[in-house]
Amino acid sequence: MNVDDLRIGSGWDVHRIVPERALVLGGVTIPWDRGLLGHSDADVVLHAVLDAILGALALGDIGQWFPDTDPAFKGIASSKLVEQVMRSPQLAGWTVVNLDVTLLAQAPKIAPWREPIRASLATLFDVPVDRVSVKATTTERLGLVGREEGMAAQAVVLMTRKAADRVTG
């Protein structure tokens, strides 16, 4: 495989925790008494993965693609943003090989939701579930995550050209 056929990207996102809002992580609604504040559904996991994909292909970031000043994206499910990015002409010829996500959250516990989130990510990004990693960590009560003011996520993705579009040489 030619090195021109591979791209690695990283993404990071953070959102404030607020009352009376649904908590959506990786396309899965998690029962909790709070949620995340954002122009969209504030799915910090999907936002980090989208930034990783866009970064891998040098296509900017989620804020450029979906500005929070655009009323068309107010309250939109981040899974809809994923659909738009993944079917865009700029991603034609590329596919996700694997993705690795770390959620930084003091609460709620993510372990019961890890497999549903992995399955959702696998479906949304058209990758086998055994190539999707979802981990969670606290920050030992330090910083905005530790004080339960916000949640953050970081993601790393490996992209490859689809076989028919590979560069030879």
C-alpha atoms as a PDB file:
ATOM      1  CA  MET A   1       0.000   0.000   0.000  1.00  0.00           C
ATOM      2  CA  ASN A   2       1.263   3.449  -0.936  1.00  0.00           C
ATOM      3  CA  VAL A   3       1.597   6.024   1.860  1.00  0.00           C
ATOM      4  CA  ASP A   4      -0.616   8.355  -0.226  1.00  0.00           C
ATOM      5  CA  ASP A   5      -3.441   5.899   0.445  1.00  0.00           C
ATOM      6  CA  LEU A   6      -3.433   6.492   4.223  1.00  0.00           C
ATOM      7  CA  ARG A   7      -4.439   9.459   6.391  1.00  0.00           C
ATOM      8  CA  ILE A   8      -4.562   9.825  10.186  1.00  0.00           C
ATOM      9  CA  GLY A   9      -6.628  12.513  11.880  1.00  0.00           C
ATOM     10  CA  SER A  10      -7.313  13.591  15.421  1.00  0.00           C
ATOM     11  CA  GLY A  11     -10.290  15.455  16.805  1.00  0.00           C
ATOM     12  CA  TRP A  12     -11.222  17.102  20.074  1.00  0.00           C
ATOM     13  CA  ASP A  13     -14.459  18.620  21.311  1.00  0.00           C
ATOM     14  CA  VAL A  14     -15.887  19.907  24.580  1.00  0.00           C
ATOM     15  CA  HIS A  15     -19.383  20.993  25.634  1.00  0.00           C
ATOM     16  CA  ARG A  16     -20.846  22.478  28.800  1.00  0.00           C
ATOM     17  CA  ILE A  17     -23.121  20.292  30.950  1.00  0.00           C
ATOM     18  CA  VAL A  18     -26.570  21.824  31.467  1.00  0.00           C
ATOM     19  CA  PRO A  19     -29.889  20.736  33.006  1.00  0.00           C
ATOM     20  CA  GLU A  20     -32.989  19.893  30.971  1.00  0.00           C
ATOM     21  CA  ARG A  21     -31.169  18.738  27.876  1.00  0.00           C
ATOM     22  CA  ALA A  22     -30.770  15.239  26.444  1.00  0.00           C
ATOM     23  CA  LEU A  23     -27.335  13.619  26.667  1.00  0.00           C
ATOM     24  CA  VAL A  24     -26.362  12.156  23.296  1.00  0.00           C
ATOM     25  CA  LEU A  25     -23.003  10.408  22.951  1.00  0.00           C
ATOM     26  CA  GLY A  26     -21.938   8.695  19.760  1.00  0.00           C
ATOM     27  CA  GLY A  27     -25.493   8.865  18.448  1.00  0.00           C
ATOM     28  CA  VAL A  28     -26.916   7.142  21.543  1.00  0.00           C
ATOM     29  CA  THR A  29     -29.227   8.931  23.984  1.00  0.00           C
ATOM     30  CA  ILE A  30     -28.010   8.241  27.516  1.00  0.00           C
ATOM     31  CA  PRO A  31     -30.524   8.552  30.368  1.00  0.00           C
ATOM     32  CA  TRP A  32     -29.165  11.232  32.706  1.00  0.00           C
ATOM     33  CA  ASP A  33     -30.554  14.252  34.505  1.00  0.00           C
ATOM     34  CA  ARG A  34     -28.380  16.596  32.408  1.00  0.00           C
ATOM     35  CA  GLY A  35     -27.090  16.959  28.882  1.00  0.00           C
ATOM     36  CA  LEU A  36     -24.687  19.028  26.808  1.00  0.00           C
ATOM     37  CA  LEU A  37     -25.182  22.561  25.542  1.00  0.00           C
ATOM     38  CA  GLY A  38     -24.608  23.275  21.879  1.00  0.00           C
ATOM     39  CA  HIS A  39     -26.106  24.618  18.675  1.00  0.00           C
ATOM     40  CA  SER A  40     -26.783  21.039  17.543  1.00  0.00           C
ATOM     41  CA  ASP A  41     -27.506  18.131  19.907  1.00  0.00           C
ATOM     42  CA  ALA A  42     -23.951  18.702  21.234  1.00  0.00           C
ATOM     43  CA  ASP A  43     -22.849  15.088  20.722  1.00  0.00           C
ATOM     44  CA  VAL A  44     -19.259  15.590  21.839  1.00  0.00           C
ATOM     45  CA  VAL A  45     -18.232  12.115  20.621  1.00  0.00           C
ATOM     46  CA  LEU A  46     -19.518  12.554  17.064  1.00  0.00           C
ATOM     47  CA  HIS A  47     -18.074  16.062  16.880  1.00  0.00           C
ATOM     48  CA  ALA A  48     -14.615  14.782  17.829  1.00  0.00           C
ATOM     49  CA  VAL A  49     -14.810  11.945  15.287  1.00  0.00           C
ATOM     50  CA  LEU A  50     -15.988  14.309  12.531  1.00  0.00           C
ATOM     51  CA  ASP A  51     -13.094  16.665  13.282  1.00  0.00           C
ATOM     52  CA  ALA A  52     -10.694  13.700  13.110  1.00  0.00           C
ATOM     53  CA  ILE A  53     -12.037  12.657   9.703  1.00  0.00           C
ATOM     54  CA  LEU A  54     -12.016  16.198   8.340  1.00  0.00           C
ATOM     55  CA  GLY A  55      -8.506  16.689   9.714  1.00  0.00           C
ATOM     56  CA  ALA A  56      -7.237  13.448   8.176  1.00  0.00           C
ATOM     57  CA  LEU A  57      -8.247  14.691   4.739  1.00  0.00           C
ATOM     58  CA  ALA A  58      -7.296  18.356   5.363  1.00  0.00           C
ATOM     59  CA  LEU A  59     -10.909  19.461   4.908  1.00  0.00           C
ATOM     60  CA  GLY A  60     -11.148  21.937   7.768  1.00  0.00           C
ATOM     61  CA  ASP A  61     -13.237  21.357  10.866  1.00  0.00           C
ATOM     62  CA  ILE A  62     -16.808  20.839  11.958  1.00  0.00           C
ATOM     63  CA  GLY A  63     -17.254  24.568  12.656  1.00  0.00           C
ATOM     64  CA  GLN A  64     -16.394  25.405   9.041  1.00  0.00           C
ATOM     65  CA  TRP A  65     -18.781  22.795   7.689  1.00  0.00           C
ATOM     66  CA  PHE A  66     -21.614  23.487  10.143  1.00  0.00           C
ATOM     67  CA  PRO A  67     -21.269  26.988  11.630  1.00  0.00           C
ATOM     68  CA  ASP A  68     -23.183  27.657  14.836  1.00  0.00           C
ATOM     69  CA  THR A  69     -24.410  30.880  13.242  1.00  0.00           C
ATOM     70  CA  ASP A  70     -26.416  28.919  10.658  1.00  0.00           C
ATOM     71  CA  PRO A  71     -30.012  28.364  11.821  1.00  0.00           C
ATOM     72  CA  ALA A  72     -30.230  25.275   9.574  1.00  0.00           C
ATOM     73  CA  PHE A  73     -28.133  23.388  12.138  1.00  0.00           C
ATOM     74  CA  LYS A  74     -29.989  24.572  15.271  1.00  0.00           C
ATOM     75  CA  GLY A  75     -30.905  21.484  17.292  1.00  0.00           C
ATOM     76  CA  ILE A  76     -29.863  19.087  14.501  1.00  0.00           C
ATOM     77  CA  ALA A  77     -28.887  15.534  15.428  1.00  0.00           C
ATOM     78  CA  SER A  78     -25.138  15.187  14.972  1.00  0.00           C
ATOM     79  CA  SER A  79     -25.797  11.889  13.179  1.00  0.00           C
ATOM     80  CA  LYS A  80     -27.272  14.022  10.373  1.00  0.00           C
ATOM     81  CA  LEU A  81     -24.017  15.988  10.232  1.00  0.00           C
ATOM     82  CA  VAL A  82     -22.140  12.679   9.954  1.00  0.00           C
ATOM     83  CA  GLU A  83     -24.355  11.654   7.027  1.00  0.00           C
ATOM     84  CA  GLN A  84     -23.641  14.942   5.226  1.00  0.00           C
ATOM     85  CA  VAL A  85     -19.882  14.671   5.691  1.00  0.00           C
ATOM     86  CA  MET A  86     -19.649  10.975   4.806  1.00  0.00           C
ATOM     87  CA  ARG A  87     -21.580  11.380   1.547  1.00  0.00           C
ATOM     88  CA  SER A  88     -19.842  14.600   0.521  1.00  0.00           C
ATOM     89  CA  PRO A  89     -17.825  14.587  -2.719  1.00  0.00           C
ATOM     90  CA  GLN A  90     -14.676  15.435  -0.740  1.00  0.00           C
ATOM     91  CA  LEU A  91     -14.841  12.026   0.966  1.00  0.00           C
ATOM     92  CA  ALA A  92     -15.529  10.078  -2.217  1.00  0.00           C
ATOM     93  CA  GLY A  93     -12.873   7.416  -2.556  1.00  0.00           C
ATOM     94  CA  TRP A  94     -12.017   7.360   1.180  1.00  0.00           C
ATOM     95  CA  THR A  95     -13.144   5.020   3.924  1.00  0.00           C
ATOM     96  CA  VAL A  96     -12.599   4.728   7.675  1.00  0.00           C
ATOM     97  CA  VAL A  97     -10.251   1.885   8.649  1.00  0.00           C
ATOM     98  CA  ASN A  98     -10.657   2.282  12.404  1.00  0.00           C
ATOM     99  CA  LEU A  99     -11.511   4.864  15.007  1.00  0.00           C
ATOM    100  CA  ASP A 100     -10.548   5.310  18.628  1.00  0.00           C
ATOM    101  CA  VAL A 101     -12.531   7.596  20.938  1.00  0.00           C
ATOM    102  CA  THR A 102     -11.869   8.668  24.509  1.00  0.00           C
ATOM    103  CA  LEU A 103     -14.665  10.380  26.422  1.00  0.00           C
ATOM    104  CA  LEU A 104     -13.617  12.559  29.342  1.00  0.00           C
ATOM    105  CA  ALA A 105     -16.507  12.664  31.810  1.00  0.00           C
ATOM    106  CA  GLN A 106     -16.781  12.545  35.570  1.00  0.00           C
ATOM    107  CA  ALA A 107     -20.356  11.256  35.249  1.00  0.00           C
ATOM    108  CA  PRO A 108     -22.444   9.411  34.202  1.00  0.00           C
ATOM    109  CA  LYS A 109     -20.733   6.037  34.050  1.00  0.00           C
ATOM    110  CA  ILE A 110     -20.265   5.093  30.392  1.00  0.00           C
ATOM    111  CA  ALA A 111     -19.515   1.363  30.801  1.00  0.00           C
ATOM    112  CA  PRO A 112     -23.181   0.311  30.395  1.00  0.00           C
ATOM    113  CA  TRP A 113     -23.366   2.326  27.168  1.00  0.00           C
ATOM    114  CA  ARG A 114     -19.986   1.441  25.633  1.00  0.00           C
ATOM    115  CA  GLU A 115     -21.267  -1.330  23.338  1.00  0.00           C
ATOM    116  CA  PRO A 116     -24.306   0.606  22.062  1.00  0.00           C
ATOM    117  CA  ILE A 117     -22.027   3.581  21.329  1.00  0.00           C
ATOM    118  CA  ARG A 118     -19.522   1.341  19.518  1.00  0.00           C
ATOM    119  CA  ALA A 119     -22.331  -0.176  17.451  1.00  0.00           C
ATOM    120  CA  SER A 120     -23.721   3.258  16.612  1.00  0.00           C
ATOM    121  CA  LEU A 121     -20.307   4.564  15.532  1.00  0.00           C
ATOM    122  CA  ALA A 122     -19.695   1.436  13.445  1.00  0.00           C
ATOM    123  CA  THR A 123     -22.992   1.980  11.631  1.00  0.00           C
ATOM    124  CA  LEU A 124     -22.596   5.737  11.181  1.00  0.00           C
ATOM    125  CA  PHE A 125     -19.049   5.468   9.797  1.00  0.00           C
ATOM    126  CA  ASP A 126     -19.524   2.157   7.943  1.00  0.00           C
ATOM    127  CA  VAL A 127     -16.746   0.329   9.738  1.00  0.00           C
ATOM    128  CA  PRO A 128     -16.809  -3.085  11.455  1.00  0.00           C
ATOM    129  CA  VAL A 129     -17.523  -2.765  15.168  1.00  0.00           C
ATOM    130  CA  ASP A 130     -14.289  -4.589  16.005  1.00  0.00           C
ATOM    131  CA  ARG A 131     -12.453  -1.569  14.569  1.00  0.00           C
ATOM    132  CA  VAL A 132     -14.198   0.907  16.877  1.00  0.00           C
ATOM    133  CA  SER A 133     -12.803   1.644  20.324  1.00  0.00           C
ATOM    134  CA  VAL A 134     -14.688   3.682  22.920  1.00  0.00           C
ATOM    135  CA  LYS A 135     -13.030   4.434  26.223  1.00  0.00           C
ATOM    136  CA  ALA A 136     -13.978   6.750  29.044  1.00  0.00           C
ATOM    137  CA  THR A 137     -11.971   8.370  31.782  1.00  0.00           C
ATOM    138  CA  THR A 138     -12.550  10.842  34.543  1.00  0.00           C
ATOM    139  CA  THR A 139     -10.143  13.620  35.324  1.00  0.00           C
ATOM    140  CA  GLU A 140      -9.962  12.693  39.018  1.00  0.00           C
ATOM    141  CA  ARG A 141     -12.221  15.668  39.820  1.00  0.00           C
ATOM    142  CA  LEU A 142      -9.767  18.113  38.220  1.00  0.00           C
ATOM    143  CA  GLY A 143     -10.710  20.870  35.777  1.00  0.00           C
ATOM    144  CA  LEU A 144     -14.009  21.514  34.032  1.00  0.00           C
ATOM    145  CA  VAL A 145     -14.619  17.801  33.504  1.00  0.00           C
ATOM    146  CA  GLY A 146     -13.854  16.968  37.133  1.00  0.00           C
ATOM    147  CA  ARG A 147     -16.169  19.708  38.398  1.00  0.00           C
ATOM    148  CA  GLU A 148     -18.882  18.315  36.058  1.00  0.00           C
ATOM    149  CA  GLU A 149     -19.052  21.611  34.183  1.00  0.00           C
ATOM    150  CA  GLY A 150     -18.395  19.919  30.844  1.00  0.00           C
ATOM    151  CA  MET A 151     -17.555  16.770  28.917  1.00  0.00           C
ATOM    152  CA  ALA A 152     -14.874  16.363  26.309  1.00  0.00           C
ATOM    153  CA  ALA A 153     -13.980  13.764  23.728  1.00  0.00           C
ATOM    154  CA  GLN A 154     -10.935  13.067  21.656  1.00  0.00           C
ATOM    155  CA  ALA A 155     -10.797  10.847  18.607  1.00  0.00           C
ATOM    156  CA  VAL A 156      -8.197   9.371  16.298  1.00  0.00           C
ATOM    157  CA  VAL A 157      -9.151   7.938  12.931  1.00  0.00           C
ATOM    158  CA  LEU A 158      -7.268   6.091  10.213  1.00  0.00           C
ATOM    159  CA  MET A 159      -8.586   6.625   6.688  1.00  0.00           C
ATOM    160  CA  THR A 160      -7.634   4.789   3.514  1.00  0.00           C
ATOM    161  CA  ARG A 161      -8.459   5.168  -0.126  1.00  0.00           C
ATOM    162  CA  LYS A 162     -10.985   2.684  -1.399  1.00  0.00           C
ATOM    163  CA  ALA A 163      -9.332  -0.016  -3.509  1.00  0.00           C
ATOM    164  CA  ALA A 164     -10.596   1.339  -6.836  1.00  0.00           C
ATOM    165  CA  ASP A 165      -9.179   4.791  -6.043  1.00  0.00           C
ATOM    166  CA  ARG A 166      -5.719   3.730  -4.787  1.00  0.00           C
ATOM    167  CA  VAL A 167      -2.661   5.524  -6.052  1.00  0.00           C
ATOM    168  CA  THR A 168      -0.207   3.150  -7.694  1.00  0.00           C
ATOM    169  CA  GLY A 169       3.451   3.701  -7.975  1.00  0.00           C
END
